[in-house]
């Protein structure tokens, strides 16, 4: 997870299960990785990038996310069913049906070697939602 605070990437290893009709979860491991000043600036200014530059950053940031996730998994000897990533929001105008989060799920999957679930906000915005709680 990465947010507008631009302080870094937060990783969590969670167990999620269902008991009858109730979903439950437990956070087992966490790690925060501070962004370098350069990464903070790139993320902060990504809204101003030309389309091709934004997509290049989308892919390279996805690869970086995958590398961080892979390191986290290996450091903690974790068994993972899937990585869930919402990326980092660069453009968000739900009133115009627009939201974009960088951090390519495919690049994240390739770099981590794990299944990835991503792009959580797009469908909500497409259905006239805000894309976030």
N, C-alpha and C. Protein backbone atom coordinates (compact mmCIF):
# COMPACT_ATOMS: atom_id res chain seq x y z
N UNK A 1 0.84 -1.18 0.00
CA UNK A 1 0.00 0.00 0.00
C UNK A 1 0.89 1.24 0.00
N UNK A 2 0.50 2.20 -0.79
CA UNK A 2 1.19 3.48 -0.85
C UNK A 2 0.12 4.56 -0.94
N UNK A 3 0.32 5.64 -0.22
CA UNK A 3 -0.70 6.68 -0.21
C UNK A 3 -0.16 8.06 -0.47
N UNK A 4 -1.04 9.03 -0.35
CA UNK A 4 -0.69 10.42 -0.66
C UNK A 4 0.31 11.02 0.31
N UNK A 5 0.53 10.39 1.46
CA UNK A 5 1.53 10.91 2.40
C UNK A 5 2.93 10.77 1.81
N UNK A 6 3.11 9.86 0.86
CA UNK A 6 4.39 9.63 0.19
C UNK A 6 5.51 9.25 1.15
N UNK A 7 5.15 8.70 2.31
CA UNK A 7 6.19 8.32 3.25
C UNK A 7 6.82 6.98 2.93
N UNK A 8 6.12 6.12 2.20
CA UNK A 8 6.72 4.85 1.84
C UNK A 8 5.70 3.79 1.47
N UNK A 9 6.21 2.61 1.31
CA UNK A 9 5.42 1.43 0.96
C UNK A 9 5.17 0.63 2.22
N UNK A 10 3.92 0.28 2.47
CA UNK A 10 3.56 -0.55 3.61
C UNK A 10 3.18 -1.93 3.11
N UNK A 11 3.80 -2.96 3.68
CA UNK A 11 3.52 -4.34 3.32
C UNK A 11 2.93 -5.04 4.53
N UNK A 12 1.97 -5.93 4.29
CA UNK A 12 1.37 -6.70 5.37
C UNK A 12 1.09 -8.11 4.87
N UNK A 13 1.44 -9.08 5.70
CA UNK A 13 1.11 -10.48 5.44
C UNK A 13 -0.09 -10.80 6.31
N UNK A 14 -1.21 -11.11 5.67
CA UNK A 14 -2.47 -11.30 6.38
C UNK A 14 -3.08 -12.65 6.09
N UNK A 15 -3.74 -13.20 7.09
CA UNK A 15 -4.58 -14.38 6.89
C UNK A 15 -6.01 -13.87 6.88
N UNK A 16 -6.75 -14.27 5.85
CA UNK A 16 -8.14 -13.85 5.71
C UNK A 16 -8.96 -15.12 5.53
N UNK A 17 -10.03 -15.26 6.30
CA UNK A 17 -10.86 -16.46 6.20
C UNK A 17 -12.31 -16.12 6.55
N UNK A 18 -13.19 -17.04 6.23
CA UNK A 18 -14.60 -16.86 6.49
C UNK A 18 -15.07 -17.90 7.50
N UNK A 19 -15.78 -17.43 8.50
CA UNK A 19 -16.45 -18.31 9.47
C UNK A 19 -17.93 -18.05 9.33
N UNK A 20 -18.62 -19.05 8.79
CA UNK A 20 -20.04 -18.94 8.48
C UNK A 20 -20.24 -17.76 7.54
N UNK A 21 -20.89 -16.69 7.98
CA UNK A 21 -21.15 -15.54 7.09
C UNK A 21 -20.26 -14.34 7.41
N UNK A 22 -19.28 -14.53 8.28
CA UNK A 22 -18.43 -13.43 8.71
C UNK A 22 -17.00 -13.62 8.21
N UNK A 23 -16.46 -12.56 7.60
CA UNK A 23 -15.05 -12.58 7.19
C UNK A 23 -14.19 -12.11 8.34
N UNK A 24 -13.07 -12.80 8.53
CA UNK A 24 -12.15 -12.45 9.60
C UNK A 24 -10.75 -12.33 9.02
N UNK A 25 -9.87 -11.62 9.75
CA UNK A 25 -8.50 -11.48 9.29
C UNK A 25 -7.56 -11.36 10.47
N UNK A 26 -6.30 -11.68 10.19
CA UNK A 26 -5.25 -11.51 11.17
C UNK A 26 -4.01 -11.01 10.43
N UNK A 27 -3.41 -9.93 10.93
CA UNK A 27 -2.18 -9.41 10.36
C UNK A 27 -1.03 -10.12 11.05
N UNK A 28 -0.24 -10.86 10.24
CA UNK A 28 0.83 -11.70 10.79
C UNK A 28 2.20 -11.01 10.78
N UNK A 29 2.52 -10.31 9.71
CA UNK A 29 3.81 -9.63 9.56
C UNK A 29 3.58 -8.30 8.85
N UNK A 30 4.38 -7.31 9.18
CA UNK A 30 4.31 -6.02 8.49
C UNK A 30 5.72 -5.47 8.27
N UNK A 31 5.80 -4.57 7.32
CA UNK A 31 7.06 -3.86 7.07
C UNK A 31 6.74 -2.56 6.34
N UNK A 32 7.44 -1.52 6.71
CA UNK A 32 7.34 -0.24 6.00
C UNK A 32 8.70 0.05 5.36
N UNK A 33 8.66 0.46 4.12
CA UNK A 33 9.87 0.80 3.38
C UNK A 33 9.77 2.27 3.00
N UNK A 34 10.62 3.09 3.59
CA UNK A 34 10.59 4.52 3.29
C UNK A 34 11.01 4.77 1.84
N UNK A 35 10.32 5.73 1.22
CA UNK A 35 10.71 6.14 -0.12
C UNK A 35 11.94 7.03 -0.05
N UNK A 36 12.80 6.89 -1.03
CA UNK A 36 13.90 7.84 -1.18
C UNK A 36 13.31 9.18 -1.59
N UNK A 37 14.08 10.23 -1.43
CA UNK A 37 13.63 11.56 -1.85
C UNK A 37 13.29 11.56 -3.34
N UNK A 38 14.11 10.86 -4.13
CA UNK A 38 13.87 10.78 -5.58
C UNK A 38 12.53 10.10 -5.88
N UNK A 39 12.23 8.99 -5.19
CA UNK A 39 10.96 8.30 -5.42
C UNK A 39 9.79 9.16 -4.97
N UNK A 40 9.93 9.85 -3.85
CA UNK A 40 8.86 10.75 -3.40
C UNK A 40 8.56 11.79 -4.46
N UNK A 41 9.59 12.38 -5.03
CA UNK A 41 9.40 13.42 -6.05
C UNK A 41 8.76 12.84 -7.31
N UNK A 42 9.21 11.66 -7.72
CA UNK A 42 8.63 11.03 -8.91
C UNK A 42 7.15 10.75 -8.71
N UNK A 43 6.80 10.20 -7.54
CA UNK A 43 5.39 9.90 -7.27
C UNK A 43 4.57 11.18 -7.18
N UNK A 44 5.10 12.18 -6.48
CA UNK A 44 4.38 13.45 -6.31
C UNK A 44 4.12 14.13 -7.65
N UNK A 45 5.10 14.07 -8.54
CA UNK A 45 4.99 14.77 -9.82
C UNK A 45 4.48 13.90 -10.96
N UNK A 46 4.12 12.67 -10.67
CA UNK A 46 3.68 11.76 -11.74
C UNK A 46 2.41 12.25 -12.45
N UNK A 47 1.62 13.06 -11.79
CA UNK A 47 0.40 13.59 -12.42
C UNK A 47 0.74 14.50 -13.61
N UNK A 48 1.95 15.01 -13.65
CA UNK A 48 2.34 15.93 -14.72
C UNK A 48 3.05 15.23 -15.88
N UNK A 49 3.27 13.92 -15.78
CA UNK A 49 3.99 13.19 -16.83
C UNK A 49 3.15 13.05 -18.09
N UNK A 50 3.82 13.05 -19.22
CA UNK A 50 3.16 12.73 -20.50
C UNK A 50 2.72 11.27 -20.42
N UNK A 51 1.73 10.91 -21.23
CA UNK A 51 1.15 9.57 -21.17
C UNK A 51 2.19 8.46 -21.28
N UNK A 52 3.10 8.56 -22.24
CA UNK A 52 4.10 7.50 -22.40
C UNK A 52 5.04 7.43 -21.20
N UNK A 53 5.42 8.58 -20.64
CA UNK A 53 6.28 8.59 -19.46
C UNK A 53 5.57 8.01 -18.24
N UNK A 54 4.27 8.32 -18.12
CA UNK A 54 3.48 7.79 -17.01
C UNK A 54 3.39 6.26 -17.10
N UNK A 55 3.17 5.74 -18.30
CA UNK A 55 3.08 4.29 -18.46
C UNK A 55 4.42 3.60 -18.22
N UNK A 56 5.50 4.24 -18.60
CA UNK A 56 6.82 3.69 -18.29
C UNK A 56 7.01 3.63 -16.78
N UNK A 57 6.65 4.70 -16.08
CA UNK A 57 6.75 4.73 -14.63
C UNK A 57 5.82 3.70 -13.99
N UNK A 58 4.62 3.54 -14.54
CA UNK A 58 3.65 2.54 -14.10
C UNK A 58 4.31 1.15 -14.10
N UNK A 59 5.02 0.84 -15.16
CA UNK A 59 5.68 -0.46 -15.29
C UNK A 59 6.88 -0.59 -14.36
N UNK A 60 7.73 0.44 -14.32
CA UNK A 60 8.93 0.34 -13.47
C UNK A 60 8.56 0.35 -11.98
N UNK A 61 7.54 1.10 -11.62
CA UNK A 61 7.08 1.10 -10.23
C UNK A 61 6.49 -0.27 -9.88
N UNK A 62 5.76 -0.88 -10.82
CA UNK A 62 5.24 -2.23 -10.61
C UNK A 62 6.35 -3.23 -10.38
N UNK A 63 7.42 -3.13 -11.15
CA UNK A 63 8.57 -4.01 -10.96
C UNK A 63 9.19 -3.77 -9.58
N UNK A 64 9.34 -2.51 -9.20
CA UNK A 64 9.90 -2.18 -7.88
C UNK A 64 9.02 -2.76 -6.77
N UNK A 65 7.69 -2.62 -6.90
CA UNK A 65 6.78 -3.19 -5.91
C UNK A 65 6.98 -4.70 -5.81
N UNK A 66 7.11 -5.36 -6.96
CA UNK A 66 7.31 -6.80 -6.97
C UNK A 66 8.61 -7.21 -6.29
N UNK A 67 9.65 -6.44 -6.51
CA UNK A 67 10.94 -6.73 -5.86
C UNK A 67 10.83 -6.58 -4.35
N UNK A 68 10.12 -5.55 -3.90
CA UNK A 68 9.95 -5.33 -2.46
C UNK A 68 9.11 -6.45 -1.85
N UNK A 69 8.05 -6.85 -2.55
CA UNK A 69 7.20 -7.93 -2.06
C UNK A 69 7.98 -9.24 -2.00
N UNK A 70 8.76 -9.52 -3.03
CA UNK A 70 9.56 -10.75 -3.05
C UNK A 70 10.54 -10.78 -1.88
N UNK A 71 11.21 -9.66 -1.62
CA UNK A 71 12.14 -9.58 -0.49
C UNK A 71 11.42 -9.82 0.84
N UNK A 72 10.24 -9.21 1.00
CA UNK A 72 9.43 -9.37 2.22
C UNK A 72 9.04 -10.83 2.42
N UNK A 73 8.61 -11.47 1.36
CA UNK A 73 8.21 -12.88 1.42
C UNK A 73 9.41 -13.76 1.80
N UNK A 74 10.54 -13.51 1.15
CA UNK A 74 11.73 -14.32 1.43
C UNK A 74 12.28 -14.07 2.82
N UNK A 75 12.34 -12.81 3.25
CA UNK A 75 12.87 -12.46 4.58
C UNK A 75 12.09 -13.14 5.69
N UNK A 76 10.78 -13.33 5.47
CA UNK A 76 9.91 -13.88 6.50
C UNK A 76 9.49 -15.33 6.23
N UNK A 77 10.05 -15.94 5.17
CA UNK A 77 9.73 -17.33 4.80
C UNK A 77 8.21 -17.55 4.74
N UNK A 78 7.53 -16.70 3.99
CA UNK A 78 6.07 -16.72 3.93
C UNK A 78 5.56 -17.58 2.78
N UNK A 79 4.42 -18.22 3.00
CA UNK A 79 3.68 -18.89 1.93
C UNK A 79 2.53 -17.96 1.56
N UNK A 80 2.47 -17.60 0.30
CA UNK A 80 1.53 -16.57 -0.15
C UNK A 80 0.58 -17.15 -1.19
N UNK A 81 -0.72 -16.91 -1.01
CA UNK A 81 -1.70 -17.29 -2.04
C UNK A 81 -1.73 -16.25 -3.15
N UNK A 82 -1.66 -14.98 -2.78
CA UNK A 82 -1.69 -13.90 -3.76
C UNK A 82 -1.24 -12.60 -3.10
N UNK A 83 -0.76 -11.70 -3.92
CA UNK A 83 -0.44 -10.34 -3.48
C UNK A 83 -1.59 -9.45 -3.92
N UNK A 84 -2.08 -8.63 -3.02
CA UNK A 84 -3.10 -7.64 -3.34
C UNK A 84 -2.44 -6.27 -3.33
N UNK A 85 -2.61 -5.53 -4.41
CA UNK A 85 -1.98 -4.21 -4.51
C UNK A 85 -2.93 -3.24 -5.19
N UNK A 86 -3.15 -2.10 -4.55
CA UNK A 86 -3.95 -1.07 -5.22
C UNK A 86 -3.05 -0.05 -5.92
N UNK A 87 -1.73 -0.23 -5.83
CA UNK A 87 -0.83 0.69 -6.50
C UNK A 87 -0.80 2.04 -5.81
N UNK A 88 -0.41 3.04 -6.55
CA UNK A 88 -0.32 4.40 -6.04
C UNK A 88 -1.15 5.30 -6.95
N UNK A 89 -2.14 5.97 -6.39
CA UNK A 89 -3.05 6.79 -7.18
C UNK A 89 -2.34 8.03 -7.70
N UNK A 90 -2.38 8.19 -9.02
CA UNK A 90 -1.80 9.38 -9.65
C UNK A 90 -2.89 10.31 -10.18
N UNK A 91 -3.98 9.74 -10.64
CA UNK A 91 -5.08 10.51 -11.22
C UNK A 91 -6.38 9.99 -10.63
N UNK A 92 -7.18 10.88 -10.07
CA UNK A 92 -8.44 10.44 -9.47
C UNK A 92 -9.49 11.53 -9.64
N UNK A 93 -10.39 11.31 -10.57
CA UNK A 93 -11.50 12.22 -10.84
C UNK A 93 -12.76 11.38 -11.01
N UNK A 94 -13.29 10.84 -9.92
CA UNK A 94 -14.46 9.97 -10.05
C UNK A 94 -15.66 10.65 -10.69
N UNK A 95 -15.76 11.97 -10.52
CA UNK A 95 -16.87 12.70 -11.14
C UNK A 95 -16.80 12.64 -12.67
N UNK A 96 -15.61 12.36 -13.20
CA UNK A 96 -15.42 12.20 -14.65
C UNK A 96 -15.22 10.73 -15.04
N UNK A 97 -15.45 9.82 -14.10
CA UNK A 97 -15.29 8.40 -14.36
C UNK A 97 -13.84 7.98 -14.53
N UNK A 98 -12.91 8.71 -13.89
CA UNK A 98 -11.48 8.49 -14.10
C UNK A 98 -10.76 8.20 -12.79
N UNK A 99 -9.98 7.14 -12.82
CA UNK A 99 -9.03 6.86 -11.74
C UNK A 99 -7.90 6.04 -12.33
N UNK A 100 -6.67 6.30 -11.88
CA UNK A 100 -5.53 5.54 -12.38
C UNK A 100 -4.52 5.38 -11.26
N UNK A 101 -4.13 4.14 -11.05
CA UNK A 101 -3.14 3.82 -10.03
C UNK A 101 -1.94 3.19 -10.73
N UNK A 102 -0.76 3.74 -10.49
CA UNK A 102 0.44 3.16 -11.08
C UNK A 102 0.92 2.00 -10.22
N UNK A 103 1.71 1.15 -10.85
CA UNK A 103 2.23 -0.05 -10.21
C UNK A 103 1.67 -1.26 -10.93
N UNK A 104 2.01 -1.41 -12.18
CA UNK A 104 1.50 -2.48 -13.04
C UNK A 104 1.45 -3.82 -12.31
N UNK A 105 0.24 -4.38 -12.23
CA UNK A 105 0.07 -5.68 -11.59
C UNK A 105 0.85 -6.78 -12.28
N UNK A 106 0.93 -6.72 -13.61
CA UNK A 106 1.68 -7.75 -14.33
C UNK A 106 3.17 -7.66 -14.05
N UNK A 107 3.69 -6.44 -14.00
CA UNK A 107 5.11 -6.27 -13.67
C UNK A 107 5.39 -6.69 -12.23
N UNK A 108 4.46 -6.39 -11.32
CA UNK A 108 4.58 -6.81 -9.94
C UNK A 108 4.61 -8.34 -9.87
N UNK A 109 3.71 -9.00 -10.60
CA UNK A 109 3.67 -10.47 -10.62
C UNK A 109 4.96 -11.05 -11.19
N UNK A 110 5.44 -10.47 -12.27
CA UNK A 110 6.67 -10.98 -12.89
C UNK A 110 7.86 -10.86 -11.95
N UNK A 111 7.98 -9.73 -11.25
CA UNK A 111 9.12 -9.50 -10.37
C UNK A 111 9.03 -10.32 -9.08
N UNK A 112 7.82 -10.56 -8.60
CA UNK A 112 7.66 -11.28 -7.33
C UNK A 112 7.53 -12.78 -7.52
N UNK A 113 7.08 -13.20 -8.69
CA UNK A 113 6.83 -14.62 -8.93
C UNK A 113 5.54 -15.10 -8.27
N UNK A 114 4.64 -14.16 -7.93
CA UNK A 114 3.39 -14.48 -7.24
C UNK A 114 2.18 -14.07 -8.08
N UNK A 115 1.02 -14.66 -7.77
CA UNK A 115 -0.25 -14.19 -8.33
C UNK A 115 -0.52 -12.82 -7.74
N UNK A 116 -1.13 -11.94 -8.54
CA UNK A 116 -1.41 -10.57 -8.08
C UNK A 116 -2.87 -10.23 -8.37
N UNK A 117 -3.52 -9.65 -7.38
CA UNK A 117 -4.87 -9.11 -7.51
C UNK A 117 -4.71 -7.60 -7.40
N UNK A 118 -5.24 -6.87 -8.38
CA UNK A 118 -4.99 -5.42 -8.39
C UNK A 118 -6.13 -4.67 -9.08
N UNK A 119 -5.95 -3.37 -9.22
CA UNK A 119 -6.89 -2.49 -9.91
C UNK A 119 -8.27 -2.49 -9.25
N UNK A 120 -8.29 -2.28 -7.95
CA UNK A 120 -9.52 -2.34 -7.18
C UNK A 120 -10.49 -1.18 -7.42
N UNK A 121 -9.97 -0.03 -7.80
CA UNK A 121 -10.81 1.17 -7.84
C UNK A 121 -11.55 1.37 -9.16
N UNK A 122 -11.01 0.85 -10.23
CA UNK A 122 -11.56 1.14 -11.55
C UNK A 122 -13.02 0.76 -11.69
N UNK A 123 -13.40 -0.44 -11.26
CA UNK A 123 -14.78 -0.86 -11.41
C UNK A 123 -15.72 -0.03 -10.57
N UNK A 124 -15.31 0.31 -9.35
CA UNK A 124 -16.17 1.13 -8.50
C UNK A 124 -16.44 2.49 -9.16
N UNK A 125 -15.40 3.09 -9.71
CA UNK A 125 -15.58 4.39 -10.38
C UNK A 125 -16.44 4.21 -11.64
N UNK A 126 -16.23 3.12 -12.37
CA UNK A 126 -17.03 2.87 -13.57
C UNK A 126 -18.52 2.70 -13.22
N UNK A 127 -18.80 2.27 -11.99
CA UNK A 127 -20.19 2.10 -11.54
C UNK A 127 -20.68 3.30 -10.74
N UNK A 128 -20.03 4.46 -10.97
CA UNK A 128 -20.39 5.75 -10.37
C UNK A 128 -20.02 5.89 -8.90
N UNK A 129 -19.11 5.03 -8.42
CA UNK A 129 -18.63 5.15 -7.04
C UNK A 129 -17.46 6.12 -6.95
N UNK A 130 -16.93 6.24 -5.77
CA UNK A 130 -15.80 7.15 -5.52
C UNK A 130 -14.45 6.45 -5.65
N UNK A 131 -14.44 5.11 -5.71
CA UNK A 131 -13.20 4.37 -5.87
C UNK A 131 -12.42 4.21 -4.59
N UNK A 132 -12.93 4.72 -3.50
CA UNK A 132 -12.29 4.60 -2.20
C UNK A 132 -13.36 4.85 -1.13
N UNK A 133 -13.13 4.25 0.04
CA UNK A 133 -14.14 4.47 1.11
C UNK A 133 -14.19 5.90 1.57
